[in-house]
Amino acid sequence: MTDRKIIFIDVDGTLCNDEGFVPESAAIAVKEARKNGHLVYLCTGRSKAEIYDYIMEIGFDGIIGAGGGFVEVGNKMLYHKKVSEENVRHLVEFFNKHNVDFYIESNGGLYASKNLIPKLEKILYGDIENDPVAKNKKENNPNHFIEALITGQDLYRDDVNKACFLEPKEISFEQIKEEFKNEFEVIHCTVPAFGEDSGELGVPEVHKATAIEVLLKHLSIDVKDTIAFGDGLNDIEMFEFCELGIAMGNAKEGLKEIADEITDTHDEGGIYNSLKKHGLI
């Protein structure tokens, strides 16, 4: 067997396909790699509440979540960087004033602004009122993400990891970036369906690589034993930091350009094929 490796796997577009499900080949790959003594960590922009049971049931050694905002080893929190209450207040008030639809991510739940769900239903299902196909989709194949959103709750919270907003109509992405430049790292959203100018606001100086570095130190593992799988631009720092960065076949061009290797897409067994190729399974 090769030396023990630690493998970091992004969720959206990497472990999960475009429908949000984990192809069987990926689940098998994770289980076999762990059975062979390698460590496998999720490394995702998602907060805990969005890492659903069907993902966790595959079995992982831990989670880096909220784009590096928290690290869990097994079930123990190694660290957790949250948004200050003052910054949360600024965000909620500014978005409400400018009619921006958004949701706040905490490990306890995903909290939606008041008009977010109807807007998301239109994006993800279609015209539910007038289109029978869209109505059927909502009733028989409900979207996990929409189902997980909590509405009608106080959004001034003290347990916030980050926030995401949908493409604004009244103001531009640049104006939002400018408004929060001293409080948040504002990046374009990694979910294509939300639109080009949708975005995420996270704690500054937090990304996947900073979290991986802390974790490796905690576990006393050398960076030369790291492998990362990703598909989006928020995986760039992780690829630059890890020994081997493997981009999915469906990855963004910007990530493919800096990747050490490019594998097949999620649905073509990209993770499985790569781990097999490197003799880890």
C-alpha atoms as a PDB file:
ATOM      1  CA  MET A   1       0.000   0.000   0.000  1.00  0.00           C
ATOM      2  CA  THR A   2       1.132   3.518  -0.718  1.00  0.00           C
ATOM      3  CA  ASP A   3       1.822   5.859   2.198  1.00  0.00           C
ATOM      4  CA  ARG A   4      -1.228   7.077   4.031  1.00  0.00           C
ATOM      5  CA  LYS A   5      -2.770  10.101   2.305  1.00  0.00           C
ATOM      6  CA  ILE A   6      -5.260  12.706   3.434  1.00  0.00           C
ATOM      7  CA  ILE A   7      -7.823  13.462   0.728  1.00  0.00           C
ATOM      8  CA  PHE A   8      -9.905  16.649   0.620  1.00  0.00           C
ATOM      9  CA  ILE A   9     -13.100  16.549  -1.444  1.00  0.00           C
ATOM     10  CA  ASP A  10     -15.243  19.537  -2.347  1.00  0.00           C
ATOM     11  CA  VAL A  11     -19.019  18.884  -2.342  1.00  0.00           C
ATOM     12  CA  ASP A  12     -20.924  20.820  -5.037  1.00  0.00           C
ATOM     13  CA  GLY A  13     -19.851  19.808  -8.530  1.00  0.00           C
ATOM     14  CA  THR A  14     -17.208  17.423  -7.151  1.00  0.00           C
ATOM     15  CA  LEU A  15     -18.624  14.839  -4.739  1.00  0.00           C
ATOM     16  CA  CYS A  16     -22.187  15.774  -5.744  1.00  0.00           C
ATOM     17  CA  ASN A  17     -23.397  16.093  -9.315  1.00  0.00           C
ATOM     18  CA  ASP A  18     -25.506  18.936 -10.703  1.00  0.00           C
ATOM     19  CA  GLU A  19     -28.665  17.416  -9.215  1.00  0.00           C
ATOM     20  CA  GLY A  20     -27.034  17.508  -5.779  1.00  0.00           C
ATOM     21  CA  PHE A  21     -26.641  13.738  -5.501  1.00  0.00           C
ATOM     22  CA  VAL A  22     -23.544  11.644  -4.911  1.00  0.00           C
ATOM     23  CA  PRO A  23     -22.823   9.255  -7.808  1.00  0.00           C
ATOM     24  CA  GLU A  24     -22.364   5.696  -6.556  1.00  0.00           C
ATOM     25  CA  SER A  25     -18.779   5.566  -7.856  1.00  0.00           C
ATOM     26  CA  ALA A  26     -17.805   8.497  -5.589  1.00  0.00           C
ATOM     27  CA  ALA A  27     -19.386   6.932  -2.481  1.00  0.00           C
ATOM     28  CA  ILE A  28     -17.559   3.647  -3.185  1.00  0.00           C
ATOM     29  CA  ALA A  29     -14.273   5.491  -3.726  1.00  0.00           C
ATOM     30  CA  VAL A  30     -14.515   7.275  -0.358  1.00  0.00           C
ATOM     31  CA  LYS A  31     -15.381   4.069   1.513  1.00  0.00           C
ATOM     32  CA  GLU A  32     -12.574   2.073  -0.119  1.00  0.00           C
ATOM     33  CA  ALA A  33      -9.962   4.786   0.430  1.00  0.00           C
ATOM     34  CA  ARG A  34     -10.816   4.899   4.145  1.00  0.00           C
ATOM     35  CA  LYS A  35     -10.820   1.116   4.354  1.00  0.00           C
ATOM     36  CA  ASN A  36      -7.275   1.247   2.953  1.00  0.00           C
ATOM     37  CA  GLY A  37      -6.218   3.540   5.803  1.00  0.00           C
ATOM     38  CA  HIS A  38      -6.380   6.926   4.041  1.00  0.00           C
ATOM     39  CA  LEU A  39      -8.155   9.892   5.635  1.00  0.00           C
ATOM     40  CA  VAL A  40     -10.997  11.547   3.708  1.00  0.00           C
ATOM     41  CA  TYR A  41     -12.299  15.004   4.631  1.00  0.00           C
ATOM     42  CA  LEU A  42     -15.111  16.989   3.094  1.00  0.00           C
ATOM     43  CA  CYS A  43     -13.830  20.436   2.161  1.00  0.00           C
ATOM     44  CA  THR A  44     -16.778  22.570   1.174  1.00  0.00           C
ATOM     45  CA  GLY A  45     -18.285  26.030   1.093  1.00  0.00           C
ATOM     46  CA  ARG A  46     -21.387  24.535   2.700  1.00  0.00           C
ATOM     47  CA  SER A  47     -22.209  25.027   6.358  1.00  0.00           C
ATOM     48  CA  LYS A  48     -23.061  22.069   8.594  1.00  0.00           C
ATOM     49  CA  ALA A  49     -26.830  22.404   8.097  1.00  0.00           C
ATOM     50  CA  GLU A  50     -26.384  21.925   4.353  1.00  0.00           C
ATOM     51  CA  ILE A  51     -24.323  18.745   4.591  1.00  0.00           C
ATOM     52  CA  TYR A  52     -27.290  16.413   4.458  1.00  0.00           C
ATOM     53  CA  ASP A  53     -27.518  12.935   5.978  1.00  0.00           C
ATOM     54  CA  TYR A  54     -27.211  11.183   2.618  1.00  0.00           C
ATOM     55  CA  ILE A  55     -23.766  12.783   2.273  1.00  0.00           C
ATOM     56  CA  MET A  56     -22.624  12.142   5.859  1.00  0.00           C
ATOM     57  CA  GLU A  57     -23.789   8.516   5.734  1.00  0.00           C
ATOM     58  CA  ILE A  58     -20.987   7.729   3.256  1.00  0.00           C
ATOM     59  CA  GLY A  59     -18.573   8.198   6.169  1.00  0.00           C
ATOM     60  CA  PHE A  60     -15.783  10.792   6.455  1.00  0.00           C
ATOM     61  CA  ASP A  61     -12.990  11.484   8.912  1.00  0.00           C
ATOM     62  CA  GLY A  62     -14.125  15.066   9.330  1.00  0.00           C
ATOM     63  CA  ILE A  63     -15.310  18.257   7.683  1.00  0.00           C
ATOM     64  CA  ILE A  64     -13.851  21.563   6.631  1.00  0.00           C
ATOM     65  CA  GLY A  65     -16.978  23.667   6.089  1.00  0.00           C
ATOM     66  CA  ALA A  66     -18.131  27.223   5.354  1.00  0.00           C
ATOM     67  CA  GLY A  67     -15.206  27.550   2.934  1.00  0.00           C
ATOM     68  CA  GLY A  68     -12.695  27.104   5.768  1.00  0.00           C
ATOM     69  CA  GLY A  69     -14.775  28.788   8.475  1.00  0.00           C
ATOM     70  CA  PHE A  70     -14.855  25.688  10.649  1.00  0.00           C
ATOM     71  CA  VAL A  71     -13.005  22.404  10.992  1.00  0.00           C
ATOM     72  CA  GLU A  72     -14.396  19.247  12.556  1.00  0.00           C
ATOM     73  CA  VAL A  73     -12.256  16.209  13.299  1.00  0.00           C
ATOM     74  CA  GLY A  74     -14.678  13.322  13.743  1.00  0.00           C
ATOM     75  CA  ASN A  75     -17.427  15.014  15.753  1.00  0.00           C
ATOM     76  CA  LYS A  76     -15.157  17.478  17.532  1.00  0.00           C
ATOM     77  CA  MET A  77     -14.941  21.118  16.497  1.00  0.00           C
ATOM     78  CA  LEU A  78     -11.298  22.113  16.066  1.00  0.00           C
ATOM     79  CA  TYR A  79     -12.146  25.757  15.408  1.00  0.00           C
ATOM     80  CA  HIS A  80     -15.036  27.904  14.229  1.00  0.00           C
ATOM     81  CA  LYS A  81     -14.772  31.482  12.932  1.00  0.00           C
ATOM     82  CA  LYS A  82     -18.077  33.331  12.961  1.00  0.00           C
ATOM     83  CA  VAL A  83     -19.300  36.667  11.643  1.00  0.00           C
ATOM     84  CA  SER A  84     -19.624  39.351  14.334  1.00  0.00           C
ATOM     85  CA  GLU A  85     -23.172  40.310  15.367  1.00  0.00           C
ATOM     86  CA  GLU A  86     -22.497  43.874  14.263  1.00  0.00           C
ATOM     87  CA  ASN A  87     -21.556  42.736  10.745  1.00  0.00           C
ATOM     88  CA  VAL A  88     -24.606  40.471  10.567  1.00  0.00           C
ATOM     89  CA  ARG A  89     -26.819  43.440  11.443  1.00  0.00           C
ATOM     90  CA  HIS A  90     -25.223  45.603   8.739  1.00  0.00           C
ATOM     91  CA  LEU A  91     -25.711  42.849   6.156  1.00  0.00           C
ATOM     92  CA  VAL A  92     -29.383  42.189   6.994  1.00  0.00           C
ATOM     93  CA  GLU A  93     -30.288  45.888   7.061  1.00  0.00           C
ATOM     94  CA  PHE A  94     -28.456  46.696   3.825  1.00  0.00           C
ATOM     95  CA  PHE A  95     -29.945  43.752   1.910  1.00  0.00           C
ATOM     96  CA  ASN A  96     -33.476  44.466   3.144  1.00  0.00           C
ATOM     97  CA  LYS A  97     -33.155  48.122   2.197  1.00  0.00           C
ATOM     98  CA  HIS A  98     -32.081  47.234  -1.357  1.00  0.00           C
ATOM     99  CA  ASN A  99     -34.469  44.277  -1.821  1.00  0.00           C
ATOM    100  CA  VAL A 100     -31.685  41.722  -2.161  1.00  0.00           C
ATOM    101  CA  ASP A 101     -32.783  38.105  -1.582  1.00  0.00           C
ATOM    102  CA  PHE A 102     -30.348  36.259   0.657  1.00  0.00           C
ATOM    103  CA  TYR A 103     -29.850  33.523   3.224  1.00  0.00           C
ATOM    104  CA  ILE A 104     -27.655  33.273   6.262  1.00  0.00           C
ATOM    105  CA  GLU A 105     -25.704  30.091   6.963  1.00  0.00           C
ATOM    106  CA  SER A 106     -25.068  28.810  10.439  1.00  0.00           C
ATOM    107  CA  ASN A 107     -24.257  25.282  11.608  1.00  0.00           C
ATOM    108  CA  GLY A 108     -27.729  25.073  13.125  1.00  0.00           C
ATOM    109  CA  GLY A 109     -29.643  26.007   9.983  1.00  0.00           C
ATOM    110  CA  LEU A 110     -29.999  28.027   6.802  1.00  0.00           C
ATOM    111  CA  TYR A 111     -32.144  31.111   7.382  1.00  0.00           C
ATOM    112  CA  ALA A 112     -33.887  32.708   4.405  1.00  0.00           C
ATOM    113  CA  SER A 113     -34.888  36.327   3.828  1.00  0.00           C
ATOM    114  CA  LYS A 114     -38.562  36.869   3.258  1.00  0.00           C
ATOM    115  CA  ASN A 115     -38.801  36.634  -0.577  1.00  0.00           C
ATOM    116  CA  LEU A 116     -35.985  34.176  -1.132  1.00  0.00           C
ATOM    117  CA  ILE A 117     -37.972  30.933  -1.442  1.00  0.00           C
ATOM    118  CA  PRO A 118     -40.433  32.058  -4.178  1.00  0.00           C
ATOM    119  CA  LYS A 119     -37.450  33.410  -6.123  1.00  0.00           C
ATOM    120  CA  LEU A 120     -35.493  30.143  -5.711  1.00  0.00           C
ATOM    121  CA  GLU A 121     -38.513  28.056  -6.678  1.00  0.00           C
ATOM    122  CA  LYS A 122     -38.736  29.990  -9.925  1.00  0.00           C
ATOM    123  CA  ILE A 123     -35.022  29.421 -10.599  1.00  0.00           C
ATOM    124  CA  LEU A 124     -34.948  25.738  -9.653  1.00  0.00           C
ATOM    125  CA  TYR A 125     -38.419  24.493 -10.660  1.00  0.00           C
ATOM    126  CA  GLY A 126     -39.830  27.049 -13.127  1.00  0.00           C
ATOM    127  CA  ASP A 127     -43.245  28.740 -13.095  1.00  0.00           C
ATOM    128  CA  ILE A 128     -45.090  26.686 -10.444  1.00  0.00           C
ATOM    129  CA  GLU A 129     -48.356  28.627 -10.844  1.00  0.00           C
ATOM    130  CA  ASN A 130     -48.761  28.088 -14.589  1.00  0.00           C
ATOM    131  CA  ASP A 131     -46.478  25.259 -15.668  1.00  0.00           C
ATOM    132  CA  PRO A 132     -47.623  21.716 -14.738  1.00  0.00           C
ATOM    133  CA  VAL A 133     -44.090  20.355 -15.272  1.00  0.00           C
ATOM    134  CA  ALA A 134     -42.665  22.832 -12.741  1.00  0.00           C
ATOM    135  CA  LYS A 135     -45.484  22.097 -10.280  1.00  0.00           C
ATOM    136  CA  ASN A 136     -44.866  18.359 -10.614  1.00  0.00           C
ATOM    137  CA  LYS A 137     -41.119  18.877 -10.063  1.00  0.00           C
ATOM    138  CA  LYS A 138     -41.774  20.741  -6.813  1.00  0.00           C
ATOM    139  CA  GLU A 139     -44.240  18.120  -5.542  1.00  0.00           C
ATOM    140  CA  ASN A 140     -42.448  14.931  -6.565  1.00  0.00           C
ATOM    141  CA  ASN A 141     -38.796  15.892  -6.651  1.00  0.00           C
ATOM    142  CA  PRO A 142     -38.380  18.686  -4.092  1.00  0.00           C
ATOM    143  CA  ASN A 143     -34.998  20.363  -3.993  1.00  0.00           C
ATOM    144  CA  HIS A 144     -33.020  19.486  -0.822  1.00  0.00           C
ATOM    145  CA  PHE A 145     -31.660  22.984  -0.517  1.00  0.00           C
ATOM    146  CA  ILE A 146     -35.063  24.708  -0.680  1.00  0.00           C
ATOM    147  CA  GLU A 147     -36.485  22.146   1.764  1.00  0.00           C
ATOM    148  CA  ALA A 148     -33.670  22.921   4.223  1.00  0.00           C
ATOM    149  CA  LEU A 149     -34.278  26.681   4.304  1.00  0.00           C
ATOM    150  CA  ILE A 150     -35.894  28.079   7.459  1.00  0.00           C
ATOM    151  CA  THR A 151     -38.142  31.117   7.069  1.00  0.00           C
ATOM    152  CA  GLY A 152     -39.757  33.584   9.421  1.00  0.00           C
ATOM    153  CA  GLN A 153     -36.876  33.541  11.904  1.00  0.00           C
ATOM    154  CA  ASP A 154     -34.941  36.454  13.313  1.00  0.00           C
ATOM    155  CA  LEU A 155     -31.960  37.004  11.006  1.00  0.00           C
ATOM    156  CA  TYR A 156     -29.946  38.961  13.581  1.00  0.00           C
ATOM    157  CA  ARG A 157     -28.021  35.913  14.723  1.00  0.00           C
ATOM    158  CA  ASP A 158     -24.791  35.263  16.619  1.00  0.00           C
ATOM    159  CA  ASP A 159     -23.913  31.906  15.010  1.00  0.00           C
ATOM    160  CA  VAL A 160     -23.346  32.982  11.391  1.00  0.00           C
ATOM    161  CA  ASN A 161     -20.655  31.403   9.198  1.00  0.00           C
ATOM    162  CA  LYS A 162     -21.426  33.305   6.027  1.00  0.00           C
ATOM    163  CA  ALA A 163     -24.244  34.605   3.829  1.00  0.00           C
ATOM    164  CA  CYS A 164     -25.231  34.197   0.184  1.00  0.00           C
ATOM    165  CA  PHE A 165     -27.299  36.519  -1.971  1.00  0.00           C
ATOM    166  CA  LEU A 166     -29.086  36.059  -5.283  1.00  0.00           C
ATOM    167  CA  GLU A 167     -28.392  38.300  -8.246  1.00  0.00           C
ATOM    168  CA  PRO A 168     -29.590  41.734  -7.118  1.00  0.00           C
ATOM    169  CA  LYS A 169     -31.876  43.836  -9.327  1.00  0.00           C
ATOM    170  CA  GLU A 170     -31.557  47.300  -7.794  1.00  0.00           C
ATOM    171  CA  ILE A 171     -27.824  47.367  -7.083  1.00  0.00           C
ATOM    172  CA  SER A 172     -24.783  45.698  -8.604  1.00  0.00           C
ATOM    173  CA  PHE A 173     -22.470  42.989  -7.302  1.00  0.00           C
ATOM    174  CA  GLU A 174     -19.710  45.655  -7.270  1.00  0.00           C
ATOM    175  CA  GLN A 175     -21.774  47.956  -5.020  1.00  0.00           C
ATOM    176  CA  ILE A 176     -22.276  45.108  -2.545  1.00  0.00           C
ATOM    177  CA  LYS A 177     -18.561  44.331  -2.630  1.00  0.00           C
ATOM    178  CA  GLU A 178     -17.765  48.006  -1.989  1.00  0.00           C
ATOM    179  CA  GLU A 179     -20.316  48.307   0.851  1.00  0.00           C
ATOM    180  CA  PHE A 180     -18.794  45.388   2.774  1.00  0.00           C
ATOM    181  CA  LYS A 181     -15.140  45.730   1.807  1.00  0.00           C
ATOM    182  CA  ASN A 182     -13.987  46.248   5.407  1.00  0.00           C
ATOM    183  CA  GLU A 183     -16.090  43.458   6.909  1.00  0.00           C
ATOM    184  CA  PHE A 184     -16.442  40.570   4.463  1.00  0.00           C
ATOM    185  CA  GLU A 185     -14.693  38.718   1.725  1.00  0.00           C
ATOM    186  CA  VAL A 186     -17.239  39.061  -1.101  1.00  0.00           C
ATOM    187  CA  ILE A 187     -16.942  36.498  -3.907  1.00  0.00           C
ATOM    188  CA  HIS A 188     -19.129  35.366  -6.793  1.00  0.00           C
ATOM    189  CA  CYS A 189     -21.397  32.498  -5.851  1.00  0.00           C
ATOM    190  CA  THR A 190     -20.270  28.966  -6.704  1.00  0.00           C
ATOM    191  CA  VAL A 191     -23.797  27.800  -7.677  1.00  0.00           C
ATOM    192  CA  PRO A 192     -24.275  28.585 -11.402  1.00  0.00           C
ATOM    193  CA  ALA A 193     -28.104  28.429 -11.239  1.00  0.00           C
ATOM    194  CA  PHE A 194     -28.171  31.456  -8.923  1.00  0.00           C
ATOM    195  CA  GLY A 195     -26.875  33.739 -11.697  1.00  0.00           C
ATOM    196  CA  GLU A 196     -23.582  35.383 -12.562  1.00  0.00           C
ATOM    197  CA  ASP A 197     -23.915  38.264 -10.106  1.00  0.00           C
ATOM    198  CA  SER A 198     -25.060  36.316  -7.086  1.00  0.00           C
ATOM    199  CA  GLY A 199     -22.450  36.095  -4.352  1.00  0.00           C
ATOM    200  CA  GLU A 200     -21.197  34.979  -0.966  1.00  0.00           C
ATOM    201  CA  LEU A 201     -20.014  37.025   1.990  1.00  0.00           C
ATOM    202  CA  GLY A 202     -17.544  35.270   4.238  1.00  0.00           C
ATOM    203  CA  VAL A 203     -15.174  36.044   7.094  1.00  0.00           C
ATOM    204  CA  PRO A 204     -12.006  37.653   5.625  1.00  0.00           C
ATOM    205  CA  GLU A 205      -8.778  35.620   5.487  1.00  0.00           C
ATOM    206  CA  VAL A 206     -10.757  32.393   5.658  1.00  0.00           C
ATOM    207  CA  HIS A 207     -10.450  29.900   2.849  1.00  0.00           C
ATOM    208  CA  LYS A 208     -10.006  26.180   2.374  1.00  0.00           C
ATOM    209  CA  ALA A 209      -6.195  26.247   2.464  1.00  0.00           C
ATOM    210  CA  THR A 210      -5.985  28.120   5.795  1.00  0.00           C
ATOM    211  CA  ALA A 211      -8.230  25.443   7.310  1.00  0.00           C
ATOM    212  CA  ILE A 212      -6.258  22.557   5.779  1.00  0.00           C
ATOM    213  CA  GLU A 213      -3.058  24.010   7.208  1.00  0.00           C
ATOM    214  CA  VAL A 214      -4.517  24.133  10.736  1.00  0.00           C
ATOM    215  CA  LEU A 215      -5.851  20.589  10.393  1.00  0.00           C
ATOM    216  CA  LEU A 216      -2.547  19.129   9.142  1.00  0.00           C
ATOM    217  CA  LYS A 217      -0.739  20.687  12.084  1.00  0.00           C
ATOM    218  CA  HIS A 218      -3.339  19.233  14.468  1.00  0.00           C
ATOM    219  CA  LEU A 219      -3.004  15.747  12.941  1.00  0.00           C
ATOM    220  CA  SER A 220       0.783  15.982  12.443  1.00  0.00           C
ATOM    221  CA  ILE A 221       0.457  15.157   8.743  1.00  0.00           C
ATOM    222  CA  ASP A 222       2.885  16.444   6.119  1.00  0.00           C
ATOM    223  CA  VAL A 223       1.543  18.560   3.257  1.00  0.00           C
ATOM    224  CA  LYS A 224       3.250  16.185   0.806  1.00  0.00           C
ATOM    225  CA  ASP A 225       0.595  13.585   1.701  1.00  0.00           C
ATOM    226  CA  THR A 226      -2.360  15.788   0.635  1.00  0.00           C
ATOM    227  CA  ILE A 227      -4.666  15.313  -2.345  1.00  0.00           C
ATOM    228  CA  ALA A 228      -7.487  17.711  -3.212  1.00  0.00           C
ATOM    229  CA  PHE A 229     -10.480  17.285  -5.533  1.00  0.00           C
ATOM    230  CA  GLY A 230     -12.457  20.319  -6.673  1.00  0.00           C
ATOM    231  CA  ASP A 231     -14.335  22.034  -9.483  1.00  0.00           C
ATOM    232  CA  GLY A 232     -14.763  25.700  -8.579  1.00  0.00           C
ATOM    233  CA  LEU A 233     -12.726  28.864  -8.206  1.00  0.00           C
ATOM    234  CA  ASN A 234     -13.073  28.683  -4.411  1.00  0.00           C
ATOM    235  CA  ASP A 235     -10.837  25.580  -4.674  1.00  0.00           C
ATOM    236  CA  ILE A 236      -7.862  27.532  -6.063  1.00  0.00           C
ATOM    237  CA  GLU A 237      -6.134  28.149  -2.697  1.00  0.00           C
ATOM    238  CA  MET A 238      -6.663  24.493  -1.764  1.00  0.00           C
ATOM    239  CA  PHE A 239      -5.061  23.361  -5.047  1.00  0.00           C
ATOM    240  CA  GLU A 240      -2.125  25.727  -4.608  1.00  0.00           C
ATOM    241  CA  PHE A 241      -1.550  24.465  -1.077  1.00  0.00           C
ATOM    242  CA  CYS A 242      -2.032  20.699  -1.486  1.00  0.00           C
ATOM    243  CA  GLU A 243       0.555  18.409  -3.021  1.00  0.00           C
ATOM    244  CA  LEU A 244      -1.814  17.140  -5.703  1.00  0.00           C
ATOM    245  CA  GLY A 245      -4.787  19.154  -7.003  1.00  0.00           C
ATOM    246  CA  ILE A 246      -7.180  17.157  -9.181  1.00  0.00           C
ATOM    247  CA  ALA A 247      -9.821  19.088 -11.123  1.00  0.00           C
ATOM    248  CA  MET A 248     -13.055  17.378 -12.141  1.00  0.00           C
ATOM    249  CA  GLY A 249     -13.819  17.138 -15.861  1.00  0.00           C
ATOM    250  CA  ASN A 250     -16.700  19.563 -15.238  1.00  0.00           C
ATOM    251  CA  ALA A 251     -14.467  22.076 -13.372  1.00  0.00           C
ATOM    252  CA  LYS A 252     -14.214  25.779 -14.169  1.00  0.00           C
ATOM    253  CA  GLU A 253     -11.456  26.612 -16.691  1.00  0.00           C
ATOM    254  CA  GLY A 254      -9.650  28.780 -14.141  1.00  0.00           C
ATOM    255  CA  LEU A 255      -9.235  25.781 -11.834  1.00  0.00           C
ATOM    256  CA  LYS A 256      -8.258  23.386 -14.634  1.00  0.00           C
ATOM    257  CA  GLU A 257      -5.439  25.768 -15.578  1.00  0.00           C
ATOM    258  CA  ILE A 258      -3.758  25.450 -12.185  1.00  0.00           C
ATOM    259  CA  ALA A 259      -4.643  21.794 -11.484  1.00  0.00           C
ATOM    260  CA  ASP A 260      -1.948  19.116 -11.434  1.00  0.00           C
ATOM    261  CA  GLU A 261      -4.361  16.730 -13.138  1.00  0.00           C
ATOM    262  CA  ILE A 262      -7.807  16.741 -14.699  1.00  0.00           C
ATOM    263  CA  THR A 263     -10.019  13.694 -14.182  1.00  0.00           C
ATOM    264  CA  ASP A 264     -13.457  12.729 -15.544  1.00  0.00           C
ATOM    265  CA  THR A 265     -16.649  14.516 -14.502  1.00  0.00           C
ATOM    266  CA  HIS A 266     -18.522  13.604 -11.297  1.00  0.00           C
ATOM    267  CA  ASP A 267     -21.021  11.404 -13.146  1.00  0.00           C
ATOM    268  CA  GLU A 268     -18.255   9.681 -15.133  1.00  0.00           C
ATOM    269  CA  GLY A 269     -16.576   8.457 -11.937  1.00  0.00           C
ATOM    270  CA  GLY A 270     -13.868  11.129 -11.732  1.00  0.00           C
ATOM    271  CA  ILE A 271     -13.040  10.634  -8.041  1.00  0.00           C
ATOM    272  CA  TYR A 272     -13.052   6.835  -8.269  1.00  0.00           C
ATOM    273  CA  ASN A 273     -10.913   6.774 -11.430  1.00  0.00           C
ATOM    274  CA  SER A 274      -8.303   9.117  -9.941  1.00  0.00           C
ATOM    275  CA  LEU A 275      -7.967   7.279  -6.631  1.00  0.00           C
ATOM    276  CA  LYS A 276      -7.643   4.012  -8.564  1.00  0.00           C
ATOM    277  CA  LYS A 277      -5.007   5.530 -10.842  1.00  0.00           C
ATOM    278  CA  HIS A 278      -2.945   6.647  -7.827  1.00  0.00           C
ATOM    279  CA  GLY A 279      -3.251   3.220  -6.191  1.00  0.00           C
ATOM    280  CA  LEU A 280      -5.255   4.447  -3.202  1.00  0.00           C
ATOM    281  CA  ILE A 281      -8.161   2.073  -3.868  1.00  0.00           C
END
